[in-house]
Amino acid sequence: MAPIIEIKDNNEFERAKKILELSRVNYNFPSLESKAKTSSFNESNFVYVPSINTYFAKQRTNLGKNWFESHKLLQENGEKMPTIPEFLEFLKYLKDSNNQEYLEIFKDITQVRSPWRAEWLDADFKLKDNKLHINYNHKLDENGNLVPQNSEVIDKNTLMKDKTPGISLDDYLIKSHTGQGLPSKDIKSGDLYYWNPRSDNNSVARFYAGSDRANLDCGRGPSYRGASLGVRAAKQRE
């Protein structure tokens, strides 16, 4: 009978692998490999949003990376980039919370003040059959290409003109958005600047705020980089 190796944490897992490799013993424990890759998850660094069963990082990461690089780095860590509807649910949860820490996170994302803060969102806009589509839930294929798991024609009720200024953030969060997370045509006016989705086949979404305004920008090129532009990791609860 083969000896039993008890593995309690990631460090013991890595030590066991080295012992087996030095002993030239064949081994295969994919379930443990998967567990080890995700064992770095620390719930205290995330906010759990019950309505969508998803964790969101309290801090942005991968600063200075473009949209493509951010997706890749997140997925290598077992995480994902939030879609626009997921991001809205996160903001609503923070705003409605009685938790002071969560309210400070909401302010950090949306408040008009220095320094400039920005984060990528998982929404890519492409023309197909002469109709503008929103692509989201991107995943890396075996060749390392980002492939959307969802692609839909932009909802006909979407606000398809820039508002600079602006739209009401409160109205946007509460009701005036489509199922795809974009502002609807009947949204109230306000101070949140909005750039509508472009038909240039080179536009993705991001949210940012600085000393002069807060913005929902759906017309930014995915290759753009900025020192304060990052991404907020999301992870579905198992």
C-alpha atoms as a PDB file:
ATOM      1  CA  MET A   1       0.000   0.000   0.000  1.00  0.00           C
ATOM      2  CA  ALA A   2       1.334   3.410  -0.974  1.00  0.00           C
ATOM      3  CA  PRO A   3       2.185   5.827   1.856  1.00  0.00           C
ATOM      4  CA  ILE A   4      -0.309   8.569   2.660  1.00  0.00           C
ATOM      5  CA  ILE A   5       0.848  12.171   2.389  1.00  0.00           C
ATOM      6  CA  GLU A   6      -1.336  14.604   4.313  1.00  0.00           C
ATOM      7  CA  ILE A   7      -1.462  18.089   2.790  1.00  0.00           C
ATOM      8  CA  LYS A   8      -2.910  20.897   4.893  1.00  0.00           C
ATOM      9  CA  ASP A   9      -1.894  24.026   3.010  1.00  0.00           C
ATOM     10  CA  ASN A  10      -0.219  25.345  -0.118  1.00  0.00           C
ATOM     11  CA  ASN A  11       3.305  25.226   1.355  1.00  0.00           C
ATOM     12  CA  GLU A  12       2.949  21.544   2.222  1.00  0.00           C
ATOM     13  CA  PHE A  13       1.533  20.927  -1.240  1.00  0.00           C
ATOM     14  CA  GLU A  14       4.611  22.441  -2.893  1.00  0.00           C
ATOM     15  CA  ARG A  15       6.971  20.492  -0.603  1.00  0.00           C
ATOM     16  CA  ALA A  16       5.174  17.244  -1.424  1.00  0.00           C
ATOM     17  CA  LYS A  17       5.554  17.923  -5.131  1.00  0.00           C
ATOM     18  CA  LYS A  18       9.315  18.455  -4.753  1.00  0.00           C
ATOM     19  CA  ILE A  19       9.707  15.214  -2.762  1.00  0.00           C
ATOM     20  CA  LEU A  20       7.824  13.234  -5.394  1.00  0.00           C
ATOM     21  CA  GLU A  21       9.800  14.797  -8.224  1.00  0.00           C
ATOM     22  CA  LEU A  22      13.161  14.097  -6.541  1.00  0.00           C
ATOM     23  CA  SER A  23      12.041  10.516  -5.902  1.00  0.00           C
ATOM     24  CA  ARG A  24      11.070  10.210  -9.576  1.00  0.00           C
ATOM     25  CA  VAL A  25       7.605   9.088  -8.578  1.00  0.00           C
ATOM     26  CA  ASN A  26       4.760   9.587 -11.020  1.00  0.00           C
ATOM     27  CA  TYR A  27       1.924  11.564  -9.493  1.00  0.00           C
ATOM     28  CA  ASN A  28      -1.323  13.168 -10.534  1.00  0.00           C
ATOM     29  CA  PHE A  29      -3.586  15.223  -8.287  1.00  0.00           C
ATOM     30  CA  PRO A  30      -5.285  17.850 -10.469  1.00  0.00           C
ATOM     31  CA  SER A  31      -7.886  18.698  -7.848  1.00  0.00           C
ATOM     32  CA  LEU A  32      -5.114  19.624  -5.422  1.00  0.00           C
ATOM     33  CA  GLU A  33      -3.294  21.560  -8.156  1.00  0.00           C
ATOM     34  CA  SER A  34      -6.439  23.624  -8.650  1.00  0.00           C
ATOM     35  CA  LYS A  35      -6.900  24.116  -4.912  1.00  0.00           C
ATOM     36  CA  ALA A  36      -3.311  25.282  -4.531  1.00  0.00           C
ATOM     37  CA  LYS A  37      -3.701  27.891  -7.275  1.00  0.00           C
ATOM     38  CA  THR A  38      -6.701  29.443  -5.525  1.00  0.00           C
ATOM     39  CA  SER A  39      -5.501  29.063  -1.937  1.00  0.00           C
ATOM     40  CA  SER A  40      -4.114  32.609  -1.927  1.00  0.00           C
ATOM     41  CA  PHE A  41      -7.683  33.992  -1.866  1.00  0.00           C
ATOM     42  CA  ASN A  42      -8.192  36.017   1.297  1.00  0.00           C
ATOM     43  CA  GLU A  43     -11.833  36.874   1.927  1.00  0.00           C
ATOM     44  CA  SER A  44     -10.896  39.850   4.114  1.00  0.00           C
ATOM     45  CA  ASN A  45      -9.549  41.630   1.011  1.00  0.00           C
ATOM     46  CA  PHE A  46     -12.898  41.365  -0.778  1.00  0.00           C
ATOM     47  CA  VAL A  47     -16.486  42.598  -0.502  1.00  0.00           C
ATOM     48  CA  TYR A  48     -19.132  39.927  -0.967  1.00  0.00           C
ATOM     49  CA  VAL A  49     -22.239  41.030  -2.904  1.00  0.00           C
ATOM     50  CA  PRO A  50     -25.024  38.512  -2.141  1.00  0.00           C
ATOM     51  CA  SER A  51     -27.357  39.532  -4.989  1.00  0.00           C
ATOM     52  CA  ILE A  52     -24.900  38.157  -7.569  1.00  0.00           C
ATOM     53  CA  ASN A  53     -22.953  35.746  -5.332  1.00  0.00           C
ATOM     54  CA  THR A  54     -19.692  37.486  -6.187  1.00  0.00           C
ATOM     55  CA  TYR A  55     -16.652  38.838  -4.345  1.00  0.00           C
ATOM     56  CA  PHE A  56     -15.095  42.152  -5.412  1.00  0.00           C
ATOM     57  CA  ALA A  57     -11.631  43.266  -4.405  1.00  0.00           C
ATOM     58  CA  LYS A  58     -11.464  46.230  -2.063  1.00  0.00           C
ATOM     59  CA  GLN A  59      -8.463  47.566  -3.952  1.00  0.00           C
ATOM     60  CA  ARG A  60      -7.638  47.926  -7.635  1.00  0.00           C
ATOM     61  CA  THR A  61      -4.700  45.867  -8.867  1.00  0.00           C
ATOM     62  CA  ASN A  62      -2.602  45.509 -12.031  1.00  0.00           C
ATOM     63  CA  LEU A  63      -2.087  49.264 -12.285  1.00  0.00           C
ATOM     64  CA  GLY A  64      -0.609  50.414 -15.568  1.00  0.00           C
ATOM     65  CA  LYS A  65      -1.857  47.391 -17.503  1.00  0.00           C
ATOM     66  CA  ASN A  66      -4.071  47.602 -20.553  1.00  0.00           C
ATOM     67  CA  TRP A  67      -7.449  45.908 -20.914  1.00  0.00           C
ATOM     68  CA  PHE A  68      -6.020  42.746 -22.502  1.00  0.00           C
ATOM     69  CA  GLU A  69      -3.214  42.360 -19.971  1.00  0.00           C
ATOM     70  CA  SER A  70      -5.619  42.914 -17.075  1.00  0.00           C
ATOM     71  CA  HIS A  71      -7.888  40.101 -18.253  1.00  0.00           C
ATOM     72  CA  LYS A  72      -4.946  37.720 -18.604  1.00  0.00           C
ATOM     73  CA  LEU A  73      -3.457  38.473 -15.178  1.00  0.00           C
ATOM     74  CA  LEU A  74      -6.824  38.141 -13.440  1.00  0.00           C
ATOM     75  CA  GLN A  75      -7.646  34.818 -15.053  1.00  0.00           C
ATOM     76  CA  GLU A  76      -4.226  33.410 -14.220  1.00  0.00           C
ATOM     77  CA  ASN A  77      -5.140  34.113 -10.589  1.00  0.00           C
ATOM     78  CA  GLY A  78      -8.570  32.486 -10.830  1.00  0.00           C
ATOM     79  CA  GLU A  79     -10.343  35.860 -10.951  1.00  0.00           C
ATOM     80  CA  LYS A  80     -12.178  37.915 -13.555  1.00  0.00           C
ATOM     81  CA  MET A  81     -12.863  41.467 -14.679  1.00  0.00           C
ATOM     82  CA  PRO A  82     -16.332  42.730 -13.644  1.00  0.00           C
ATOM     83  CA  THR A  83     -18.958  43.219 -16.322  1.00  0.00           C
ATOM     84  CA  ILE A  84     -20.874  46.501 -16.264  1.00  0.00           C
ATOM     85  CA  PRO A  85     -23.992  44.991 -14.565  1.00  0.00           C
ATOM     86  CA  GLU A  86     -21.779  43.324 -11.946  1.00  0.00           C
ATOM     87  CA  PHE A  87     -19.978  46.614 -11.313  1.00  0.00           C
ATOM     88  CA  LEU A  88     -23.330  48.375 -10.844  1.00  0.00           C
ATOM     89  CA  GLU A  89     -24.447  45.783  -8.292  1.00  0.00           C
ATOM     90  CA  PHE A  90     -21.165  46.264  -6.462  1.00  0.00           C
ATOM     91  CA  LEU A  91     -21.589  50.053  -6.357  1.00  0.00           C
ATOM     92  CA  LYS A  92     -25.207  49.776  -5.176  1.00  0.00           C
ATOM     93  CA  TYR A  93     -24.203  47.374  -2.428  1.00  0.00           C
ATOM     94  CA  LEU A  94     -21.436  49.695  -1.228  1.00  0.00           C
ATOM     95  CA  LYS A  95     -23.664  52.778  -1.346  1.00  0.00           C
ATOM     96  CA  ASP A  96     -26.555  51.147   0.548  1.00  0.00           C
ATOM     97  CA  SER A  97     -24.302  49.641   3.176  1.00  0.00           C
ATOM     98  CA  ASN A  98     -24.068  50.868   6.750  1.00  0.00           C
ATOM     99  CA  ASN A  99     -20.464  49.705   6.740  1.00  0.00           C
ATOM    100  CA  GLN A 100     -18.143  52.712   6.891  1.00  0.00           C
ATOM    101  CA  GLU A 101     -15.333  50.864   5.129  1.00  0.00           C
ATOM    102  CA  TYR A 102     -17.643  50.034   2.217  1.00  0.00           C
ATOM    103  CA  LEU A 103     -18.862  53.626   1.998  1.00  0.00           C
ATOM    104  CA  GLU A 104     -15.250  54.792   1.780  1.00  0.00           C
ATOM    105  CA  ILE A 105     -14.650  52.343  -1.097  1.00  0.00           C
ATOM    106  CA  PHE A 106     -17.702  53.794  -2.872  1.00  0.00           C
ATOM    107  CA  LYS A 107     -16.317  57.304  -2.423  1.00  0.00           C
ATOM    108  CA  ASP A 108     -12.897  56.216  -3.646  1.00  0.00           C
ATOM    109  CA  ILE A 109     -14.475  54.943  -6.872  1.00  0.00           C
ATOM    110  CA  THR A 110     -16.982  57.724  -7.573  1.00  0.00           C
ATOM    111  CA  GLN A 111     -16.014  60.906  -5.723  1.00  0.00           C
ATOM    112  CA  VAL A 112     -14.808  63.911  -7.712  1.00  0.00           C
ATOM    113  CA  ARG A 113     -11.417  64.595  -6.140  1.00  0.00           C
ATOM    114  CA  SER A 114      -7.720  63.941  -6.556  1.00  0.00           C
ATOM    115  CA  PRO A 115      -5.996  61.681  -7.283  1.00  0.00           C
ATOM    116  CA  TRP A 116      -7.236  60.253 -10.588  1.00  0.00           C
ATOM    117  CA  ARG A 117      -8.565  56.674 -10.186  1.00  0.00           C
ATOM    118  CA  ALA A 118      -9.739  54.385 -12.962  1.00  0.00           C
ATOM    119  CA  GLU A 119     -10.675  50.759 -13.550  1.00  0.00           C
ATOM    120  CA  TRP A 120     -11.400  48.578 -16.558  1.00  0.00           C
ATOM    121  CA  LEU A 121     -14.757  46.870 -17.071  1.00  0.00           C
ATOM    122  CA  ASP A 122     -15.485  43.736 -19.080  1.00  0.00           C
ATOM    123  CA  ALA A 123     -17.400  45.234 -22.003  1.00  0.00           C
ATOM    124  CA  ASP A 124     -16.144  45.325 -25.578  1.00  0.00           C
ATOM    125  CA  PHE A 125     -18.116  46.913 -28.427  1.00  0.00           C
ATOM    126  CA  LYS A 126     -18.043  45.444 -31.929  1.00  0.00           C
ATOM    127  CA  LEU A 127     -19.989  45.823 -35.166  1.00  0.00           C
ATOM    128  CA  LYS A 128     -21.487  42.613 -36.509  1.00  0.00           C
ATOM    129  CA  ASP A 129     -23.897  42.498 -39.446  1.00  0.00           C
ATOM    130  CA  ASN A 130     -24.012  46.311 -39.273  1.00  0.00           C
ATOM    131  CA  LYS A 131     -25.320  46.174 -35.699  1.00  0.00           C
ATOM    132  CA  LEU A 132     -23.374  47.258 -32.636  1.00  0.00           C
ATOM    133  CA  HIS A 133     -22.872  44.442 -30.132  1.00  0.00           C
ATOM    134  CA  ILE A 134     -21.692  44.371 -26.534  1.00  0.00           C
ATOM    135  CA  ASN A 135     -19.305  41.496 -25.820  1.00  0.00           C
ATOM    136  CA  TYR A 136     -18.623  40.424 -22.243  1.00  0.00           C
ATOM    137  CA  ASN A 137     -17.571  37.542 -19.981  1.00  0.00           C
ATOM    138  CA  HIS A 138     -14.300  37.200 -21.854  1.00  0.00           C
ATOM    139  CA  LYS A 139     -12.164  34.108 -21.333  1.00  0.00           C
ATOM    140  CA  LEU A 140      -8.759  33.121 -22.645  1.00  0.00           C
ATOM    141  CA  ASP A 141      -8.798  30.302 -25.181  1.00  0.00           C
ATOM    142  CA  GLU A 142      -6.003  27.732 -25.594  1.00  0.00           C
ATOM    143  CA  ASN A 143      -4.108  30.171 -27.819  1.00  0.00           C
ATOM    144  CA  GLY A 144      -4.284  32.995 -25.292  1.00  0.00           C
ATOM    145  CA  ASN A 145      -6.936  34.967 -27.174  1.00  0.00           C
ATOM    146  CA  LEU A 146      -9.768  36.690 -25.329  1.00  0.00           C
ATOM    147  CA  VAL A 147     -13.096  35.241 -26.439  1.00  0.00           C
ATOM    148  CA  PRO A 148     -16.441  36.665 -25.239  1.00  0.00           C
ATOM    149  CA  GLN A 149     -18.834  34.120 -23.792  1.00  0.00           C
ATOM    150  CA  ASN A 150     -21.696  36.547 -24.426  1.00  0.00           C
ATOM    151  CA  SER A 151     -22.355  38.780 -27.422  1.00  0.00           C
ATOM    152  CA  GLU A 152     -25.599  40.747 -27.768  1.00  0.00           C
ATOM    153  CA  VAL A 153     -26.980  43.563 -29.893  1.00  0.00           C
ATOM    154  CA  ILE A 154     -26.969  46.767 -27.872  1.00  0.00           C
ATOM    155  CA  ASP A 155     -30.357  47.203 -26.196  1.00  0.00           C
ATOM    156  CA  LYS A 156     -32.546  49.619 -28.166  1.00  0.00           C
ATOM    157  CA  ASN A 157     -33.239  51.618 -24.977  1.00  0.00           C
ATOM    158  CA  THR A 158     -29.539  52.413 -24.473  1.00  0.00           C
ATOM    159  CA  LEU A 159     -28.526  56.067 -24.367  1.00  0.00           C
ATOM    160  CA  MET A 160     -26.434  56.319 -27.525  1.00  0.00           C
ATOM    161  CA  LYS A 161     -25.194  59.888 -27.251  1.00  0.00           C
ATOM    162  CA  ASP A 162     -22.534  61.460 -25.072  1.00  0.00           C
ATOM    163  CA  LYS A 163     -23.628  63.399 -21.983  1.00  0.00           C
ATOM    164  CA  THR A 164     -20.779  65.642 -20.809  1.00  0.00           C
ATOM    165  CA  PRO A 165     -22.306  66.510 -18.417  1.00  0.00           C
ATOM    166  CA  GLY A 166     -23.939  64.383 -17.493  1.00  0.00           C
ATOM    167  CA  ILE A 167     -26.200  61.666 -16.145  1.00  0.00           C
ATOM    168  CA  SER A 168     -27.374  61.075 -12.593  1.00  0.00           C
ATOM    169  CA  LEU A 169     -25.300  58.434 -10.839  1.00  0.00           C
ATOM    170  CA  ASP A 170     -28.103  57.772  -8.343  1.00  0.00           C
ATOM    171  CA  ASP A 171     -30.690  57.297 -11.089  1.00  0.00           C
ATOM    172  CA  TYR A 172     -28.254  55.107 -13.011  1.00  0.00           C
ATOM    173  CA  LEU A 173     -27.680  52.819 -10.043  1.00  0.00           C
ATOM    174  CA  ILE A 174     -31.317  52.612  -8.955  1.00  0.00           C
ATOM    175  CA  LYS A 175     -33.253  52.047 -12.179  1.00  0.00           C
ATOM    176  CA  SER A 176     -32.196  53.850 -15.359  1.00  0.00           C
ATOM    177  CA  HIS A 177     -30.010  51.243 -16.972  1.00  0.00           C
ATOM    178  CA  THR A 178     -30.568  48.385 -19.385  1.00  0.00           C
ATOM    179  CA  GLY A 179     -30.000  44.705 -18.640  1.00  0.00           C
ATOM    180  CA  GLN A 180     -26.564  45.158 -20.209  1.00  0.00           C
ATOM    181  CA  GLY A 181     -25.715  47.769 -17.591  1.00  0.00           C
ATOM    182  CA  LEU A 182     -25.662  50.793 -19.908  1.00  0.00           C
ATOM    183  CA  PRO A 183     -27.609  54.004 -19.157  1.00  0.00           C
ATOM    184  CA  SER A 184     -31.117  54.072 -20.600  1.00  0.00           C
ATOM    185  CA  LYS A 185     -32.541  56.865 -22.750  1.00  0.00           C
ATOM    186  CA  ASP A 186     -34.811  58.156 -19.968  1.00  0.00           C
ATOM    187  CA  ILE A 187     -32.030  58.624 -17.408  1.00  0.00           C
ATOM    188  CA  LYS A 188     -32.051  61.865 -15.418  1.00  0.00           C
ATOM    189  CA  SER A 189     -29.409  64.510 -15.957  1.00  0.00           C
ATOM    190  CA  GLY A 190     -26.571  64.802 -13.473  1.00  0.00           C
ATOM    191  CA  ASP A 191     -22.846  65.180 -12.989  1.00  0.00           C
ATOM    192  CA  LEU A 192     -21.580  61.743 -14.140  1.00  0.00           C
ATOM    193  CA  TYR A 193     -19.974  62.207 -17.551  1.00  0.00           C
ATOM    194  CA  TYR A 194     -20.898  59.537 -20.082  1.00  0.00           C
ATOM    195  CA  TRP A 195     -19.332  58.527 -23.374  1.00  0.00           C
ATOM    196  CA  ASN A 196     -21.557  56.124 -25.276  1.00  0.00           C
ATOM    197  CA  PRO A 197     -20.342  52.899 -26.973  1.00  0.00           C
ATOM    198  CA  ARG A 198     -18.481  53.513 -30.252  1.00  0.00           C
ATOM    199  CA  SER A 199     -18.781  51.655 -33.554  1.00  0.00           C
ATOM    200  CA  ASP A 200     -15.035  51.790 -34.258  1.00  0.00           C
ATOM    201  CA  ASN A 201     -14.386  48.144 -33.239  1.00  0.00           C
ATOM    202  CA  ASN A 202     -11.757  49.426 -30.828  1.00  0.00           C
ATOM    203  CA  SER A 203     -13.694  50.499 -27.750  1.00  0.00           C
ATOM    204  CA  VAL A 204     -14.089  49.025 -24.275  1.00  0.00           C
ATOM    205  CA  ALA A 205     -15.530  50.327 -21.000  1.00  0.00           C
ATOM    206  CA  ARG A 206     -13.974  51.814 -17.911  1.00  0.00           C
ATOM    207  CA  PHE A 207     -15.048  53.922 -14.930  1.00  0.00           C
ATOM    208  CA  TYR A 208     -12.880  56.715 -13.579  1.00  0.00           C
ATOM    209  CA  ALA A 209     -12.934  59.796 -11.401  1.00  0.00           C
ATOM    210  CA  GLY A 210     -10.586  62.681 -10.782  1.00  0.00           C
ATOM    211  CA  SER A 211     -10.416  66.263  -9.581  1.00  0.00           C
ATOM    212  CA  ASP A 212     -12.803  67.583 -12.247  1.00  0.00           C
ATOM    213  CA  ARG A 213     -15.374  64.830 -12.868  1.00  0.00           C
ATOM    214  CA  ALA A 214     -16.421  61.197 -12.639  1.00  0.00           C
ATOM    215  CA  ASN A 215     -16.915  59.246 -15.852  1.00  0.00           C
ATOM    216  CA  LEU A 216     -18.406  56.146 -17.411  1.00  0.00           C
ATOM    217  CA  ASP A 217     -16.434  55.869 -20.641  1.00  0.00           C
ATOM    218  CA  CYS A 218     -17.468  53.282 -23.242  1.00  0.00           C
ATOM    219  CA  GLY A 219     -15.240  54.665 -25.984  1.00  0.00           C
ATOM    220  CA  ARG A 220     -11.725  53.998 -24.721  1.00  0.00           C
ATOM    221  CA  GLY A 221      -9.225  51.914 -26.696  1.00  0.00           C
ATOM    222  CA  PRO A 222      -8.270  48.646 -24.944  1.00  0.00           C
ATOM    223  CA  SER A 223      -4.536  49.195 -25.454  1.00  0.00           C
ATOM    224  CA  TYR A 224      -4.506  52.364 -23.339  1.00  0.00           C
ATOM    225  CA  ARG A 225      -2.389  52.358 -20.181  1.00  0.00           C
ATOM    226  CA  GLY A 226      -2.251  54.691 -17.212  1.00  0.00           C
ATOM    227  CA  ALA A 227      -0.340  54.628 -13.946  1.00  0.00           C
ATOM    228  CA  SER A 228      -3.564  54.924 -11.946  1.00  0.00           C
ATOM    229  CA  LEU A 229      -5.655  52.759 -14.270  1.00  0.00           C
ATOM    230  CA  GLY A 230      -6.157  49.279 -12.875  1.00  0.00           C
ATOM    231  CA  VAL A 231      -8.795  46.629 -12.450  1.00  0.00           C
ATOM    232  CA  ARG A 232     -10.957  45.381  -9.600  1.00  0.00           C
ATOM    233  CA  ALA A 233     -10.783  41.610  -9.330  1.00  0.00           C
ATOM    234  CA  ALA A 234     -14.065  39.745  -9.108  1.00  0.00           C
ATOM    235  CA  LYS A 235     -14.584  36.141  -8.103  1.00  0.00           C
ATOM    236  CA  GLN A 236     -17.776  34.125  -7.892  1.00  0.00           C
ATOM    237  CA  ARG A 237     -18.417  32.458  -4.571  1.00  0.00           C
ATOM    238  CA  GLU A 238     -18.196  28.676  -4.782  1.00  0.00           C
END
